[in-house]
PDB file of N, CA and C in Angstrom:
ATOM      1  N   MET A   1       7.937 -20.338 -13.122  1.00  0.00           N
ATOM      2  CA  MET A   1       7.775 -19.552 -12.337  1.00  0.00           C
ATOM      3  C   MET A   1       8.004 -18.027 -13.150  1.00  0.00           C
ATOM      4  N   ILE A   2       7.249 -17.488 -13.033  1.00  0.00           N
ATOM      5  CA  ILE A   2       7.362 -15.838 -13.728  1.00  0.00           C
ATOM      6  C   ILE A   2       7.660 -15.001 -12.444  1.00  0.00           C
ATOM      7  N   PRO A   3       8.954 -14.305 -12.341  1.00  0.00           N
ATOM      8  CA  PRO A   3       9.280 -13.555 -11.229  1.00  0.00           C
ATOM      9  C   PRO A   3       8.234 -12.716 -11.245  1.00  0.00           C
ATOM     10  N   GLY A   4       8.062 -12.469  -9.421  1.00  0.00           N
ATOM     11  CA  GLY A   4       7.192 -11.718  -8.559  1.00  0.00           C
ATOM     12  C   GLY A   4       5.709 -12.530  -8.690  1.00  0.00           C
ATOM     13  N   GLU A   5       5.743 -13.660  -9.122  1.00  0.00           N
ATOM     14  CA  GLU A   5       4.533 -14.885  -9.413  1.00  0.00           C
ATOM     15  C   GLU A   5       4.421 -15.161  -8.251  1.00  0.00           C
ATOM     16  N   LEU A   6       3.158 -15.254  -7.471  1.00  0.00           N
ATOM     17  CA  LEU A   6       2.703 -15.775  -6.353  1.00  0.00           C
ATOM     18  C   LEU A   6       1.786 -17.345  -6.494  1.00  0.00           C
ATOM     19  N   ILE A   7       2.195 -18.314  -6.278  1.00  0.00           N
ATOM     20  CA  ILE A   7       1.273 -19.243  -6.203  1.00  0.00           C
ATOM     21  C   ILE A   7       0.601 -19.896  -4.799  1.00  0.00           C
ATOM     22  N   THR A   8      -0.728 -19.705  -5.001  1.00  0.00           N
ATOM     23  CA  THR A   8      -1.187 -19.759  -3.838  1.00  0.00           C
ATOM     24  C   THR A   8      -2.023 -21.357  -3.773  1.00  0.00           C
ATOM     25  N   ASP A   9      -2.532 -21.731  -2.700  1.00  0.00           N
ATOM     26  CA  ASP A   9      -3.587 -22.768  -2.551  1.00  0.00           C
ATOM     27  C   ASP A   9      -4.440 -22.835  -3.116  1.00  0.00           C
ATOM     28  N   ASP A  10      -5.164 -23.729  -3.862  1.00  0.00           N
ATOM     29  CA  ASP A  10      -6.438 -23.630  -4.608  1.00  0.00           C
ATOM     30  C   ASP A  10      -7.739 -23.355  -3.581  1.00  0.00           C
ATOM     31  N   GLY A  11      -9.247 -22.936  -3.928  1.00  0.00           N
ATOM     32  CA  GLY A  11     -10.004 -22.251  -3.596  1.00  0.00           C
ATOM     33  C   GLY A  11      -9.958 -20.759  -3.362  1.00  0.00           C
ATOM     34  N   GLU A  12     -11.042 -20.482  -2.949  1.00  0.00           N
ATOM     35  CA  GLU A  12     -11.017 -18.741  -2.447  1.00  0.00           C
ATOM     36  C   GLU A  12     -10.262 -18.156  -1.376  1.00  0.00           C
ATOM     37  N   HIS A  13      -9.757 -16.811  -1.823  1.00  0.00           N
ATOM     38  CA  HIS A  13      -9.057 -16.422  -0.792  1.00  0.00           C
ATOM     39  C   HIS A  13      -9.529 -15.005  -0.754  1.00  0.00           C
ATOM     40  N   GLU A  14      -9.579 -14.589   0.717  1.00  0.00           N
ATOM     41  CA  GLU A  14     -10.519 -13.466   0.808  1.00  0.00           C
ATOM     42  C   GLU A  14      -8.967 -12.171   0.524  1.00  0.00           C
ATOM     43  N   LEU A  15      -9.531 -11.361   0.189  1.00  0.00           N
ATOM     44  CA  LEU A  15      -8.542 -10.169  -0.087  1.00  0.00           C
ATOM     45  C   LEU A  15      -8.565  -9.020   1.488  1.00  0.00           C
ATOM     46  N   ASN A  16      -7.808  -8.517   1.214  1.00  0.00           N
ATOM     47  CA  ASN A  16      -7.910  -7.342   2.528  1.00  0.00           C
ATOM     48  C   ASN A  16      -8.408  -7.761   3.545  1.00  0.00           C
ATOM     49  N   ALA A  17      -8.244  -9.258   4.277  1.00  0.00           N
ATOM     50  CA  ALA A  17      -8.847  -9.390   5.385  1.00  0.00           C
ATOM     51  C   ALA A  17      -8.101  -8.445   6.670  1.00  0.00           C
ATOM     52  N   GLY A  18      -9.672  -8.306   7.808  1.00  0.00           N
ATOM     53  CA  GLY A  18      -8.905  -7.552   8.624  1.00  0.00           C
ATOM     54  C   GLY A  18      -8.901  -6.099   8.403  1.00  0.00           C
ATOM     55  N   ARG A  19      -8.654  -5.669   7.323  1.00  0.00           N
ATOM     56  CA  ARG A  19      -8.777  -4.521   7.323  1.00  0.00           C
ATOM     57  C   ARG A  19      -9.763  -3.201   7.118  1.00  0.00           C
ATOM     58  N   THR A  20      -9.936  -2.424   7.709  1.00  0.00           N
ATOM     59  CA  THR A  20     -11.056  -1.496   7.755  1.00  0.00           C
ATOM     60  C   THR A  20     -11.766  -0.960   6.669  1.00  0.00           C
ATOM     61  N   THR A  21     -12.751  -1.092   6.125  1.00  0.00           N
ATOM     62  CA  THR A  21     -13.589  -0.743   4.716  1.00  0.00           C
ATOM     63  C   THR A  21     -14.423   0.279   5.570  1.00  0.00           C
ATOM     64  N   ILE A  22     -15.200   1.207   4.366  1.00  0.00           N
ATOM     65  CA  ILE A  22     -16.142   2.095   4.514  1.00  0.00           C
ATOM     66  C   ILE A  22     -16.682   1.914   2.973  1.00  0.00           C
ATOM     67  N   THR A  23     -18.042   2.384   3.226  1.00  0.00           N
ATOM     68  CA  THR A  23     -18.987   2.174   2.158  1.00  0.00           C
ATOM     69  C   THR A  23     -19.656   3.793   1.714  1.00  0.00           C
ATOM     70  N   LEU A  24     -19.087   4.398   0.876  1.00  0.00           N
ATOM     71  CA  LEU A  24     -19.697   5.698  -0.006  1.00  0.00           C
ATOM     72  C   LEU A  24     -20.440   5.375  -0.758  1.00  0.00           C
ATOM     73  N   THR A  25     -21.191   6.928  -1.326  1.00  0.00           N
ATOM     74  CA  THR A  25     -22.133   7.146  -2.467  1.00  0.00           C
ATOM     75  C   THR A  25     -21.253   8.277  -3.039  1.00  0.00           C
ATOM     76  N   ILE A  26     -21.551   7.342  -4.355  1.00  0.00           N
ATOM     77  CA  ILE A  26     -20.429   8.883  -5.267  1.00  0.00           C
ATOM     78  C   ILE A  26     -21.011   9.396  -6.837  1.00  0.00           C
ATOM     79  N   SER A  27     -20.885  10.266  -6.710  1.00  0.00           N
ATOM     80  CA  SER A  27     -21.859  11.018  -7.923  1.00  0.00           C
ATOM     81  C   SER A  27     -20.640  12.029  -9.015  1.00  0.00           C
ATOM     82  N   ASN A  28     -20.746  11.238 -10.132  1.00  0.00           N
ATOM     83  CA  ASN A  28     -20.123  12.072 -10.839  1.00  0.00           C
ATOM     84  C   ASN A  28     -21.146  13.172 -11.691  1.00  0.00           C
ATOM     85  N   THR A  29     -20.414  14.719 -11.014  1.00  0.00           N
ATOM     86  CA  THR A  29     -20.956  15.841 -11.240  1.00  0.00           C
ATOM     87  C   THR A  29     -20.660  16.412 -12.808  1.00  0.00           C
ATOM     88  N   GLY A  30     -19.578  15.638 -13.375  1.00  0.00           N
ATOM     89  CA  GLY A  30     -19.094  15.926 -14.657  1.00  0.00           C
ATOM     90  C   GLY A  30     -19.693  15.784 -15.790  1.00  0.00           C
ATOM     91  N   ASP A  31     -19.210  16.240 -17.020  1.00  0.00           N
ATOM     92  CA  ASP A  31     -19.834  15.617 -18.331  1.00  0.00           C
ATOM     93  C   ASP A  31     -19.380  14.981 -19.051  1.00  0.00           C
ATOM     94  N   ARG A  32     -18.276  14.487 -18.376  1.00  0.00           N
ATOM     95  CA  ARG A  32     -16.996  13.142 -19.059  1.00  0.00           C
ATOM     96  C   ARG A  32     -16.711  11.891 -17.837  1.00  0.00           C
ATOM     97  N   PRO A  33     -16.678  10.680 -18.594  1.00  0.00           N
ATOM     98  CA  PRO A  33     -16.827   9.740 -17.674  1.00  0.00           C
ATOM     99  C   PRO A  33     -15.390   9.912 -16.592  1.00  0.00           C
ATOM    100  N   VAL A  34     -15.255   9.034 -15.570  1.00  0.00           N
ATOM    101  CA  VAL A  34     -14.139   9.339 -14.710  1.00  0.00           C
ATOM    102  C   VAL A  34     -13.669   7.709 -14.302  1.00  0.00           C
ATOM    103  N   GLN A  35     -12.408   7.273 -14.305  1.00  0.00           N
ATOM    104  CA  GLN A  35     -12.268   6.083 -14.405  1.00  0.00           C
ATOM    105  C   GLN A  35     -11.189   6.006 -13.441  1.00  0.00           C
ATOM    106  N   VAL A  36     -11.410   5.218 -11.902  1.00  0.00           N
ATOM    107  CA  VAL A  36     -10.638   5.278 -11.039  1.00  0.00           C
ATOM    108  C   VAL A  36     -10.170   3.784 -11.003  1.00  0.00           C
ATOM    109  N   GLY A  37      -8.524   3.918 -10.507  1.00  0.00           N
ATOM    110  CA  GLY A  37      -7.944   2.460 -10.318  1.00  0.00           C
ATOM    111  C   GLY A  37      -7.826   1.836  -9.252  1.00  0.00           C
ATOM    112  N   SER A  38      -7.791   0.751  -9.015  1.00  0.00           N
ATOM    113  CA  SER A  38      -7.887  -0.084  -7.658  1.00  0.00           C
ATOM    114  C   SER A  38      -6.598   0.392  -6.581  1.00  0.00           C
ATOM    115  N   HIS A  39      -5.607   0.862  -7.132  1.00  0.00           N
ATOM    116  CA  HIS A  39      -4.800   1.469  -5.981  1.00  0.00           C
ATOM    117  C   HIS A  39      -4.782   3.324  -5.996  1.00  0.00           C
ATOM    118  N   TYR A  40      -5.669   3.728  -6.247  1.00  0.00           N
ATOM    119  CA  TYR A  40      -5.724   5.540  -6.381  1.00  0.00           C
ATOM    120  C   TYR A  40      -6.395   5.540  -4.842  1.00  0.00           C
ATOM    121  N   HIS A  41      -5.335   6.793  -4.392  1.00  0.00           N
ATOM    122  CA  HIS A  41      -5.978   7.486  -3.149  1.00  0.00           C
ATOM    123  C   HIS A  41      -7.142   7.731  -3.409  1.00  0.00           C
ATOM    124  N   PHE A  42      -8.491   7.532  -2.753  1.00  0.00           N
ATOM    125  CA  PHE A  42      -9.550   8.085  -3.177  1.00  0.00           C
ATOM    126  C   PHE A  42      -9.501   9.420  -2.996  1.00  0.00           C
ATOM    127  N   HIS A  43      -9.187   9.733  -1.954  1.00  0.00           N
ATOM    128  CA  HIS A  43      -9.651  11.285  -1.572  1.00  0.00           C
ATOM    129  C   HIS A  43      -8.797  11.989  -2.498  1.00  0.00           C
ATOM    130  N   GLU A  44      -8.099  11.554  -3.695  1.00  0.00           N
ATOM    131  CA  GLU A  44      -7.718  12.425  -4.291  1.00  0.00           C
ATOM    132  C   GLU A  44      -8.227  12.337  -5.335  1.00  0.00           C
ATOM    133  N   VAL A  45      -9.086  11.874  -5.938  1.00  0.00           N
ATOM    134  CA  VAL A  45      -9.631  11.858  -7.248  1.00  0.00           C
ATOM    135  C   VAL A  45     -10.337  12.998  -7.991  1.00  0.00           C
ATOM    136  N   ASN A  46     -10.986  12.673  -9.039  1.00  0.00           N
ATOM    137  CA  ASN A  46     -11.231  13.719  -9.775  1.00  0.00           C
ATOM    138  C   ASN A  46     -12.059  14.656  -9.061  1.00  0.00           C
ATOM    139  N   ALA A  47     -12.221  16.190  -8.848  1.00  0.00           N
ATOM    140  CA  ALA A  47     -12.928  16.824  -8.263  1.00  0.00           C
ATOM    141  C   ALA A  47     -14.675  16.781  -9.259  1.00  0.00           C
ATOM    142  N   ALA A  48     -14.471  16.005 -10.180  1.00  0.00           N
ATOM    143  CA  ALA A  48     -16.080  16.203 -10.657  1.00  0.00           C
ATOM    144  C   ALA A  48     -16.635  15.053  -9.754  1.00  0.00           C
ATOM    145  N   LEU A  49     -16.132  14.452  -8.933  1.00  0.00           N
ATOM    146  CA  LEU A  49     -16.675  13.247  -8.278  1.00  0.00           C
ATOM    147  C   LEU A  49     -16.995  14.030  -6.770  1.00  0.00           C
ATOM    148  N   ALA A  50     -18.437  13.717  -6.386  1.00  0.00           N
ATOM    149  CA  ALA A  50     -19.274  14.254  -5.416  1.00  0.00           C
ATOM    150  C   ALA A  50     -19.193  13.400  -4.519  1.00  0.00           C
ATOM    151  N   PHE A  51     -18.317  13.402  -3.049  1.00  0.00           N
ATOM    152  CA  PHE A  51     -18.596  12.359  -2.060  1.00  0.00           C
ATOM    153  C   PHE A  51     -17.784  13.030  -0.573  1.00  0.00           C
ATOM    154  N   ASP A  52     -17.943  12.164   0.018  1.00  0.00           N
ATOM    155  CA  ASP A  52     -17.290  12.866   1.432  1.00  0.00           C
ATOM    156  C   ASP A  52     -15.948  12.316   1.309  1.00  0.00           C
ATOM    157  N   ARG A  53     -15.292  13.546   0.630  1.00  0.00           N
ATOM    158  CA  ARG A  53     -13.593  13.179   0.613  1.00  0.00           C
ATOM    159  C   ARG A  53     -12.968  12.886   2.025  1.00  0.00           C
ATOM    160  N   THR A  54     -13.227  13.503   2.877  1.00  0.00           N
ATOM    161  CA  THR A  54     -12.877  13.810   4.488  1.00  0.00           C
ATOM    162  C   THR A  54     -12.695  12.405   5.039  1.00  0.00           C
ATOM    163  N   ALA A  55     -13.714  11.249   4.923  1.00  0.00           N
ATOM    164  CA  ALA A  55     -14.189   9.880   5.068  1.00  0.00           C
ATOM    165  C   ALA A  55     -13.104   9.034   4.203  1.00  0.00           C
ATOM    166  N   ALA A  56     -12.963   9.709   2.961  1.00  0.00           N
ATOM    167  CA  ALA A  56     -11.936   8.725   1.922  1.00  0.00           C
ATOM    168  C   ALA A  56     -10.388   8.780   2.289  1.00  0.00           C
ATOM    169  N   ARG A  57     -10.334   9.727   3.037  1.00  0.00           N
ATOM    170  CA  ARG A  57      -8.823  10.249   2.987  1.00  0.00           C
ATOM    171  C   ARG A  57      -7.948   8.686   3.576  1.00  0.00           C
ATOM    172  N   GLY A  58      -7.271   8.228   3.112  1.00  0.00           N
ATOM    173  CA  GLY A  58      -6.417   7.040   3.576  1.00  0.00           C
ATOM    174  C   GLY A  58      -6.887   5.598   3.052  1.00  0.00           C
ATOM    175  N   PHE A  59      -8.039   5.819   2.075  1.00  0.00           N
ATOM    176  CA  PHE A  59      -8.533   4.693   1.514  1.00  0.00           C
ATOM    177  C   PHE A  59      -8.481   4.842   0.114  1.00  0.00           C
ATOM    178  N   ARG A  60      -8.546   3.334  -0.466  1.00  0.00           N
ATOM    179  CA  ARG A  60      -8.716   3.110  -2.042  1.00  0.00           C
ATOM    180  C   ARG A  60      -9.818   2.241  -1.693  1.00  0.00           C
ATOM    181  N   LEU A  61     -10.365   1.923  -3.299  1.00  0.00           N
ATOM    182  CA  LEU A  61     -11.493   0.995  -3.858  1.00  0.00           C
ATOM    183  C   LEU A  61     -10.984  -0.395  -3.467  1.00  0.00           C
ATOM    184  N   ASN A  62     -11.833  -0.842  -2.839  1.00  0.00           N
ATOM    185  CA  ASN A  62     -11.278  -2.476  -2.438  1.00  0.00           C
ATOM    186  C   ASN A  62     -11.973  -3.467  -3.779  1.00  0.00           C
ATOM    187  N   ILE A  63     -11.456  -3.297  -4.630  1.00  0.00           N
ATOM    188  CA  ILE A  63     -11.339  -4.228  -5.718  1.00  0.00           C
ATOM    189  C   ILE A  63      -9.977  -4.526  -6.283  1.00  0.00           C
ATOM    190  N   ALA A  64      -9.941  -5.883  -6.962  1.00  0.00           N
ATOM    191  CA  ALA A  64      -8.493  -6.560  -7.196  1.00  0.00           C
ATOM    192  C   ALA A  64      -7.770  -5.705  -7.570  1.00  0.00           C
ATOM    193  N   ALA A  65      -6.292  -5.631  -7.667  1.00  0.00           N
ATOM    194  CA  ALA A  65      -5.398  -4.844  -8.297  1.00  0.00           C
ATOM    195  C   ALA A  65      -5.436  -5.090  -9.931  1.00  0.00           C
ATOM    196  N   SER A  66      -5.196  -3.884 -10.012  1.00  0.00           N
ATOM    197  CA  SER A  66      -5.320  -3.647 -11.745  1.00  0.00           C
ATOM    198  C   SER A  66      -6.184  -3.332 -12.622  1.00  0.00           C
ATOM    199  N   THR A  67      -7.589  -3.394 -11.733  1.00  0.00           N
ATOM    200  CA  THR A  67      -8.755  -3.423 -12.271  1.00  0.00           C
ATOM    201  C   THR A  67      -9.191  -1.832 -11.807  1.00  0.00           C
ATOM    202  N   ALA A  68     -10.566  -1.185 -11.992  1.00  0.00           N
ATOM    203  CA  ALA A  68     -11.000   0.023 -12.231  1.00  0.00           C
ATOM    204  C   ALA A  68     -12.383  -0.006 -12.070  1.00  0.00           C
ATOM    205  N   VAL A  69     -12.904   1.124 -11.928  1.00  0.00           N
ATOM    206  CA  VAL A  69     -14.340   1.534 -11.396  1.00  0.00           C
ATOM    207  C   VAL A  69     -14.709   2.671 -12.326  1.00  0.00           C
ATOM    208  N   ARG A  70     -15.562   2.637 -13.441  1.00  0.00           N
ATOM    209  CA  ARG A  70     -15.788   3.870 -14.187  1.00  0.00           C
ATOM    210  C   ARG A  70     -17.066   4.717 -13.690  1.00  0.00           C
ATOM    211  N   PHE A  71     -17.425   5.876 -13.536  1.00  0.00           N
ATOM    212  CA  PHE A  71     -18.340   6.514 -13.126  1.00  0.00           C
ATOM    213  C   PHE A  71     -18.811   7.591 -14.204  1.00  0.00           C
ATOM    214  N   GLU A  72     -19.762   7.140 -15.011  1.00  0.00           N
ATOM    215  CA  GLU A  72     -20.202   7.736 -16.310  1.00  0.00           C
ATOM    216  C   GLU A  72     -21.156   9.341 -15.563  1.00  0.00           C
ATOM    217  N   PRO A  73     -20.903  10.185 -16.810  1.00  0.00           N
ATOM    218  CA  PRO A  73     -21.573  11.697 -16.204  1.00  0.00           C
ATOM    219  C   PRO A  73     -22.947  11.335 -15.777  1.00  0.00           C
ATOM    220  N   GLY A  74     -23.093  12.130 -14.705  1.00  0.00           N
ATOM    221  CA  GLY A  74     -24.502  12.099 -13.627  1.00  0.00           C
ATOM    222  C   GLY A  74     -24.575  10.525 -13.179  1.00  0.00           C
ATOM    223  N   GLN A  75     -23.704   9.687 -13.294  1.00  0.00           N
ATOM    224  CA  GLN A  75     -24.084   8.283 -12.440  1.00  0.00           C
ATOM    225  C   GLN A  75     -23.971   8.779 -11.123  1.00  0.00           C
ATOM    226  N   GLU A  76     -24.551   8.006 -10.670  1.00  0.00           N
ATOM    227  CA  GLU A  76     -24.440   7.967  -8.866  1.00  0.00           C
ATOM    228  C   GLU A  76     -24.308   6.080  -8.356  1.00  0.00           C
ATOM    229  N   ARG A  77     -23.314   6.037  -7.764  1.00  0.00           N
ATOM    230  CA  ARG A  77     -23.174   4.800  -7.304  1.00  0.00           C
ATOM    231  C   ARG A  77     -22.570   4.564  -6.164  1.00  0.00           C
ATOM    232  N   THR A  78     -22.887   3.218  -5.345  1.00  0.00           N
ATOM    233  CA  THR A  78     -22.187   3.120  -4.376  1.00  0.00           C
ATOM    234  C   THR A  78     -20.530   2.093  -4.122  1.00  0.00           C
ATOM    235  N   VAL A  79     -19.614   2.626  -3.458  1.00  0.00           N
ATOM    236  CA  VAL A  79     -18.580   1.516  -3.580  1.00  0.00           C
ATOM    237  C   VAL A  79     -17.991   1.438  -2.008  1.00  0.00           C
ATOM    238  N   GLU A  80     -17.266   0.246  -2.026  1.00  0.00           N
ATOM    239  CA  GLU A  80     -16.680   0.121  -0.605  1.00  0.00           C
ATOM    240  C   GLU A  80     -15.152   0.175  -1.188  1.00  0.00           C
ATOM    241  N   LEU A  81     -14.722   1.125  -0.099  1.00  0.00           N
ATOM    242  CA  LEU A  81     -13.523   1.499  -0.112  1.00  0.00           C
ATOM    243  C   LEU A  81     -12.305   0.795   1.371  1.00  0.00           C
ATOM    244  N   VAL A  82     -11.144   0.382   1.107  1.00  0.00           N
ATOM    245  CA  VAL A  82     -10.231  -0.398   2.144  1.00  0.00           C
ATOM    246  C   VAL A  82      -9.124   0.527   2.424  1.00  0.00           C
ATOM    247  N   GLU A  83      -8.867   0.717   4.052  1.00  0.00           N
ATOM    248  CA  GLU A  83      -7.626   1.255   4.007  1.00  0.00           C
ATOM    249  C   GLU A  83      -6.377   1.100   3.039  1.00  0.00           C
ATOM    250  N   LEU A  84      -5.605   2.150   3.344  1.00  0.00           N
ATOM    251  CA  LEU A  84      -4.203   1.849   2.893  1.00  0.00           C
ATOM    252  C   LEU A  84      -3.331   1.079   3.696  1.00  0.00           C
ATOM    253  N   ALA A  85      -2.602   0.268   3.138  1.00  0.00           N
ATOM    254  CA  ALA A  85      -1.742  -0.215   4.293  1.00  0.00           C
ATOM    255  C   ALA A  85      -0.312  -0.056   4.262  1.00  0.00           C
ATOM    256  N   GLY A  86       0.484  -0.693   4.688  1.00  0.00           N
ATOM    257  CA  GLY A  86       2.199  -0.472   4.626  1.00  0.00           C
ATOM    258  C   GLY A  86       2.817   0.817   5.602  1.00  0.00           C
ATOM    259  N   ASP A  87       3.091   1.617   5.065  1.00  0.00           N
ATOM    260  CA  ASP A  87       3.474   2.896   5.793  1.00  0.00           C
ATOM    261  C   ASP A  87       2.737   3.683   6.063  1.00  0.00           C
ATOM    262  N   ARG A  88       1.576   3.797   4.723  1.00  0.00           N
ATOM    263  CA  ARG A  88       0.714   4.907   4.471  1.00  0.00           C
ATOM    264  C   ARG A  88       1.364   6.331   4.480  1.00  0.00           C
ATOM    265  N   ILE A  89       2.359   6.220   3.620  1.00  0.00           N
ATOM    266  CA  ILE A  89       2.941   7.228   2.767  1.00  0.00           C
ATOM    267  C   ILE A  89       2.185   7.752   1.333  1.00  0.00           C
ATOM    268  N   VAL A  90       1.444   8.752   1.040  1.00  0.00           N
ATOM    269  CA  VAL A  90       1.054   8.917  -0.111  1.00  0.00           C
ATOM    270  C   VAL A  90       1.597  10.237  -0.823  1.00  0.00           C
ATOM    271  N   TYR A  91       2.413   9.911  -2.242  1.00  0.00           N
ATOM    272  CA  TYR A  91       2.933  11.025  -2.811  1.00  0.00           C
ATOM    273  C   TYR A  91       1.994  11.047  -3.974  1.00  0.00           C
ATOM    274  N   GLY A  92       2.386  11.928  -5.175  1.00  0.00           N
ATOM    275  CA  GLY A  92       1.748  12.133  -6.305  1.00  0.00           C
ATOM    276  C   GLY A  92       0.442  12.184  -6.404  1.00  0.00           C
ATOM    277  N   PHE A  93      -0.384  11.186  -7.091  1.00  0.00           N
ATOM    278  CA  PHE A  93      -1.900  11.344  -7.374  1.00  0.00           C
ATOM    279  C   PHE A  93      -2.167  13.151  -7.601  1.00  0.00           C
ATOM    280  N   ASN A  94      -3.035  13.694  -6.451  1.00  0.00           N
ATOM    281  CA  ASN A  94      -3.366  15.111  -7.199  1.00  0.00           C
ATOM    282  C   ASN A  94      -2.396  16.036  -5.777  1.00  0.00           C
ATOM    283  N   GLY A  95      -1.358  15.191  -5.297  1.00  0.00           N
ATOM    284  CA  GLY A  95      -0.469  16.362  -4.706  1.00  0.00           C
ATOM    285  C   GLY A  95      -1.167  16.926  -3.438  1.00  0.00           C
ATOM    286  N   LYS A  96      -2.255  16.131  -2.813  1.00  0.00           N
ATOM    287  CA  LYS A  96      -2.996  16.375  -1.753  1.00  0.00           C
ATOM    288  C   LYS A  96      -2.631  16.187  -0.596  1.00  0.00           C
ATOM    289  N   VAL A  97      -1.730  15.289  -0.615  1.00  0.00           N
ATOM    290  CA  VAL A  97      -0.873  14.554   0.802  1.00  0.00           C
ATOM    291  C   VAL A  97       0.268  14.886   0.861  1.00  0.00           C
ATOM    292  N   MET A  98       1.275  14.104   0.216  1.00  0.00           N
ATOM    293  CA  MET A  98       2.523  14.628  -0.125  1.00  0.00           C
ATOM    294  C   MET A  98       3.358  14.203   1.200  1.00  0.00           C
ATOM    295  N   GLY A  99       3.195  13.017   1.941  1.00  0.00           N
ATOM    296  CA  GLY A  99       3.654  12.243   2.889  1.00  0.00           C
ATOM    297  C   GLY A  99       3.084  11.274   3.764  1.00  0.00           C
ATOM    298  N   LYS A 100       3.294  11.471   5.042  1.00  0.00           N
ATOM    299  CA  LYS A 100       2.403  10.201   6.077  1.00  0.00           C
ATOM    300  C   LYS A 100       1.011  10.607   6.219  1.00  0.00           C
ATOM    301  N   LEU A 101       0.158   9.903   5.666  1.00  0.00           N
ATOM    302  CA  LEU A 101      -1.078  10.314   5.974  1.00  0.00           C
ATOM    303  C   LEU A 101      -1.504  10.409   7.770  1.00  0.00           C
ATOM    304  N   ASP A 102      -0.940  10.166   8.346  1.00  0.00           N
ATOM    305  CA  ASP A 102      -1.175  10.017   9.932  1.00  0.00           C
ATOM    306  C   ASP A 102      -0.968  11.660  10.165  1.00  0.00           C
ATOM    307  N   GLU A 103       0.501  12.046   9.516  1.00  0.00           N
ATOM    308  CA  GLU A 103       0.618  13.396   9.807  1.00  0.00           C
ATOM    309  C   GLU A 103       0.658  14.504   8.806  1.00  0.00           C
ATOM    310  N   SER A 104       0.161  14.287   7.702  1.00  0.00           N
ATOM    311  CA  SER A 104      -0.077  15.575   6.823  1.00  0.00           C
ATOM    312  C   SER A 104      -1.255  16.218   6.646  1.00  0.00           C
ATOM    313  N   VAL A 105      -1.378  17.036   6.250  1.00  0.00           N
ATOM    314  CA  VAL A 105      -3.029  17.825   6.298  1.00  0.00           C
ATOM    315  C   VAL A 105      -3.068  17.631   4.645  1.00  0.00           C
ATOM    316  N   SER A 106      -4.314  17.402   4.415  1.00  0.00           N
ATOM    317  CA  SER A 106      -5.025  17.589   3.144  1.00  0.00           C
ATOM    318  C   SER A 106      -5.027  18.798   2.726  1.00  0.00           C
ATOM    319  N   MET A 107      -4.365  19.428   1.404  1.00  0.00           N
ATOM    320  CA  MET A 107      -5.003  20.433   0.447  1.00  0.00           C
ATOM    321  C   MET A 107      -6.512  20.448   0.345  1.00  0.00           C
ATOM    322  N   PRO A 108      -7.315  21.516  -0.034  1.00  0.00           N
ATOM    323  CA  PRO A 108      -8.321  21.207  -0.761  1.00  0.00           C
ATOM    324  C   PRO A 108      -8.148  20.978  -2.318  1.00  0.00           C
ATOM    325  N   LEU A 109      -9.405  19.996  -2.624  1.00  0.00           N
ATOM    326  CA  LEU A 109      -9.432  20.119  -4.039  1.00  0.00           C
ATOM    327  C   LEU A 109     -10.277  21.325  -4.841  1.00  0.00           C
ATOM    328  N   PRO A 110     -10.158  21.585  -5.852  1.00  0.00           N
ATOM    329  CA  PRO A 110     -10.892  22.608  -6.349  1.00  0.00           C
ATOM    330  C   PRO A 110     -12.404  22.283  -6.785  1.00  0.00           C
ATOM    331  N   ASP A 111     -13.500  23.224  -6.421  1.00  0.00           N
ATOM    332  CA  ASP A 111     -14.564  22.658  -6.517  1.00  0.00           C
ATOM    333  C   ASP A 111     -14.673  22.458  -8.055  1.00  0.00           C
ATOM    334  N   ALA A 112     -15.849  21.039  -8.314  1.00  0.00           N
ATOM    335  CA  ALA A 112     -16.136  20.758  -9.780  1.00  0.00           C
ATOM    336  C   ALA A 112     -16.425  21.686 -10.559  1.00  0.00           C
ATOM    337  N   ALA A 113     -17.315  22.836  -9.976  1.00  0.00           N
ATOM    338  CA  ALA A 113     -17.888  23.977 -11.019  1.00  0.00           C
ATOM    339  C   ALA A 113     -16.630  24.673 -11.414  1.00  0.00           C
ATOM    340  N   HIS A 114     -15.508  24.876 -10.945  1.00  0.00           N
ATOM    341  CA  HIS A 114     -14.372  25.582 -11.727  1.00  0.00           C
ATOM    342  C   HIS A 114     -13.392  24.653 -12.114  1.00  0.00           C
ATOM    343  N   ILE A 115     -13.756  23.608 -12.663  1.00  0.00           N
ATOM    344  CA  ILE A 115     -13.040  23.184 -13.494  1.00  0.00           C
ATOM    345  C   ILE A 115     -13.420  23.421 -14.832  1.00  0.00           C
ATOM    346  N   LYS A 116     -12.529  23.449 -16.133  1.00  0.00           N
ATOM    347  CA  LYS A 116     -12.723  23.667 -16.967  1.00  0.00           C
ATOM    348  C   LYS A 116     -12.598  22.552 -17.924  1.00  0.00           C
ATOM    349  N   ALA A 117     -13.353  21.888 -19.042  1.00  0.00           N
ATOM    350  CA  ALA A 117     -13.043  20.785 -19.504  1.00  0.00           C
ATOM    351  C   ALA A 117     -12.451  20.956 -20.647  1.00  0.00           C
TER     352      ALA A 117
END
C-alpha cells in the first residue's frame, strides 16, 4: 500500500454524490488558452473567461481530481460545477474571497478588456 492510497470495491463509483451541481456556459474572450484545474474555485478563474461568476461562487469543476479543462481563445463550452465541501474556506487563488464562503464578500475581478497579455 502507498501512503494515502485508497482501495475501493470493484465497479463504478459515483463522485460527489448528493452534492449540488450547476451547469454554466463559459466563453474564453481572451487571445490565449486558459486551463482550469479540478479544484480551483471557479468564481476566481482568469478574467478572460466570461460567465455568471456570482452563480459560480463556492463551486469547482465537477471533474476527477488532478485533471483540468482547457478553454481555447474564442471557444464557448458548457461545464458542470460542483459545490465546494468541507469547511468552505477559500484562501489564495485570485484573493477574491479570503475566508469562509458563507461569510465573506467577494472582491470584483477586473474586466477582461482591461487585462494586458
